Every structure is written in C-alpha cells, then in structure tokens.
Amino acid sequence: MPIENWVMSREDVAKALELQRQIKEAGLTWPQLDILLQMKRGTVADWCRAHERVPAPIMQRITEILDGVKAGKIKPPIV
C-alpha cells in the first residue's frame, strides 16, 4: 500500500498559527477548548497543528467561546 504525500499549504499553517495565538490570548489550553466545544480530546490539537481544517461554523463558535472567556462570561473548565 503506497504512502500518500501530505502537504500543508501556507494558508493552512497561517490559520493554525492564528488559532494558537487566539487560544493563548484567551488563556486556554487545547484540552480546555475541546471540552468547551464538546469535541473529542485532541481535535483542537489537530487544528492547531494544521492536520485538519477548522470548519467555518465551528470557527465561529470558537471565536464566541474565546471572546466569552476573555470577557469573563465563560469559566474555563479544570482539566
């Protein structure tokens, strides 16, 4: 079975780095954001490493969560 080449685009890497910056700015960890999004553990890590693309509706939800955490409206879960 041949191994397929996997290449990240610069755009994917830039989006992943921006997501990492936003999460750090809000003071969250990747596992905490997984919990707040009700996603399986490691999903956010895959997005932050550009292994997968974040769907637009979920990115909108991430932005809402991060804004809520920064404003003090959403309490980060204890991991």
C-alpha atoms as a PDB file:
ATOM      1  CA  MET A   1       0.000   0.000   0.000  1.00  0.00           C
ATOM      2  CA  PRO A   2       1.662   3.260  -1.108  1.00  0.00           C
ATOM      3  CA  ILE A   3       2.006   6.161   1.284  1.00  0.00           C
ATOM      4  CA  GLU A   4       0.392   9.363   0.085  1.00  0.00           C
ATOM      5  CA  ASN A   5       2.286  12.614   0.347  1.00  0.00           C
ATOM      6  CA  TRP A   6       0.724  15.086   2.727  1.00  0.00           C
ATOM      7  CA  VAL A   7       1.465  18.746   2.215  1.00  0.00           C
ATOM      8  CA  MET A   8       0.280  21.710   4.261  1.00  0.00           C
ATOM      9  CA  SER A   9      -0.434  24.916   2.441  1.00  0.00           C
ATOM     10  CA  ARG A  10       0.936  28.165   3.790  1.00  0.00           C
ATOM     11  CA  GLU A  11      -2.643  29.296   4.293  1.00  0.00           C
ATOM     12  CA  ASP A  12      -3.414  26.250   6.473  1.00  0.00           C
ATOM     13  CA  VAL A  13      -0.305  26.882   8.566  1.00  0.00           C
ATOM     14  CA  ALA A  14      -1.149  30.583   8.930  1.00  0.00           C
ATOM     15  CA  LYS A  15      -4.690  29.762  10.075  1.00  0.00           C
ATOM     16  CA  ALA A  16      -3.385  27.192  12.551  1.00  0.00           C
ATOM     17  CA  LEU A  17      -0.900  29.685  13.995  1.00  0.00           C
ATOM     18  CA  GLU A  18      -3.632  32.310  14.286  1.00  0.00           C
ATOM     19  CA  LEU A  19      -5.848  29.829  16.148  1.00  0.00           C
ATOM     20  CA  GLN A  20      -2.969  29.044  18.511  1.00  0.00           C
ATOM     21  CA  ARG A  21      -2.476  32.765  19.153  1.00  0.00           C
ATOM     22  CA  GLN A  22      -6.172  33.318  19.879  1.00  0.00           C
ATOM     23  CA  ILE A  23      -6.334  30.369  22.280  1.00  0.00           C
ATOM     24  CA  LYS A  24      -3.212  31.537  24.122  1.00  0.00           C
ATOM     25  CA  GLU A  25      -4.519  35.103  24.290  1.00  0.00           C
ATOM     26  CA  ALA A  26      -7.709  33.821  25.961  1.00  0.00           C
ATOM     27  CA  GLY A  27      -5.622  31.870  28.472  1.00  0.00           C
ATOM     28  CA  LEU A  28      -6.980  28.466  27.473  1.00  0.00           C
ATOM     29  CA  THR A  29      -5.313  25.174  26.686  1.00  0.00           C
ATOM     30  CA  TRP A  30      -6.226  22.941  23.768  1.00  0.00           C
ATOM     31  CA  PRO A  31      -7.906  20.333  26.035  1.00  0.00           C
ATOM     32  CA  GLN A  32      -9.981  23.057  27.712  1.00  0.00           C
ATOM     33  CA  LEU A  33     -11.224  24.245  24.327  1.00  0.00           C
ATOM     34  CA  ASP A  34     -12.012  20.627  23.354  1.00  0.00           C
ATOM     35  CA  ILE A  35     -14.244  20.424  26.437  1.00  0.00           C
ATOM     36  CA  LEU A  36     -15.940  23.772  25.792  1.00  0.00           C
ATOM     37  CA  LEU A  37     -16.636  22.734  22.187  1.00  0.00           C
ATOM     38  CA  GLN A  38     -17.787  19.284  23.340  1.00  0.00           C
ATOM     39  CA  MET A  39     -15.334  17.687  20.920  1.00  0.00           C
ATOM     40  CA  LYS A  40     -13.265  14.574  21.442  1.00  0.00           C
ATOM     41  CA  ARG A  41      -9.887  15.199  23.039  1.00  0.00           C
ATOM     42  CA  GLY A  42      -7.208  16.093  20.511  1.00  0.00           C
ATOM     43  CA  THR A  43      -9.482  17.732  17.957  1.00  0.00           C
ATOM     44  CA  VAL A  44      -8.267  21.252  18.726  1.00  0.00           C
ATOM     45  CA  ALA A  45      -4.674  19.995  18.747  1.00  0.00           C
ATOM     46  CA  ASP A  46      -5.153  18.654  15.213  1.00  0.00           C
ATOM     47  CA  TRP A  47      -6.491  22.036  14.106  1.00  0.00           C
ATOM     48  CA  CYS A  48      -3.645  23.928  15.798  1.00  0.00           C
ATOM     49  CA  ARG A  49      -1.078  21.706  14.094  1.00  0.00           C
ATOM     50  CA  ALA A  50      -2.803  22.182  10.707  1.00  0.00           C
ATOM     51  CA  HIS A  51      -3.519  18.447  10.496  1.00  0.00           C
ATOM     52  CA  GLU A  52      -7.161  19.279   9.792  1.00  0.00           C
ATOM     53  CA  ARG A  53      -9.015  22.396   8.709  1.00  0.00           C
ATOM     54  CA  VAL A  54     -11.468  24.015  11.100  1.00  0.00           C
ATOM     55  CA  PRO A  55     -14.979  24.113   9.597  1.00  0.00           C
ATOM     56  CA  ALA A  56     -16.328  27.692   9.350  1.00  0.00           C
ATOM     57  CA  PRO A  57     -19.308  27.165  11.719  1.00  0.00           C
ATOM     58  CA  ILE A  58     -17.004  25.688  14.352  1.00  0.00           C
ATOM     59  CA  MET A  59     -14.505  28.537  13.915  1.00  0.00           C
ATOM     60  CA  GLN A  60     -17.347  30.958  14.602  1.00  0.00           C
ATOM     61  CA  ARG A  61     -18.202  29.001  17.778  1.00  0.00           C
ATOM     62  CA  ILE A  62     -14.525  29.038  18.807  1.00  0.00           C
ATOM     63  CA  THR A  63     -14.452  32.823  18.421  1.00  0.00           C
ATOM     64  CA  GLU A  64     -17.598  33.150  20.568  1.00  0.00           C
ATOM     65  CA  ILE A  65     -16.105  30.911  23.267  1.00  0.00           C
ATOM     66  CA  LEU A  66     -12.758  32.715  23.300  1.00  0.00           C
ATOM     67  CA  ASP A  67     -14.486  36.106  23.493  1.00  0.00           C
ATOM     68  CA  GLY A  68     -16.666  34.806  26.342  1.00  0.00           C
ATOM     69  CA  VAL A  69     -13.647  33.530  28.258  1.00  0.00           C
ATOM     70  CA  LYS A  70     -11.796  36.828  27.802  1.00  0.00           C
ATOM     71  CA  ALA A  71     -14.883  38.776  28.961  1.00  0.00           C
ATOM     72  CA  GLY A  72     -15.303  36.518  31.995  1.00  0.00           C
ATOM     73  CA  LYS A  73     -18.695  35.194  30.837  1.00  0.00           C
ATOM     74  CA  ILE A  74     -17.403  31.642  30.319  1.00  0.00           C
ATOM     75  CA  LYS A  75     -15.360  29.925  33.005  1.00  0.00           C
ATOM     76  CA  PRO A  76     -12.581  27.655  31.675  1.00  0.00           C
ATOM     77  CA  PRO A  77     -13.006  24.028  32.741  1.00  0.00           C
ATOM     78  CA  ILE A  78     -10.469  22.397  35.033  1.00  0.00           C
ATOM     79  CA  VAL A  79      -8.527  19.769  33.122  1.00  0.00           C
END
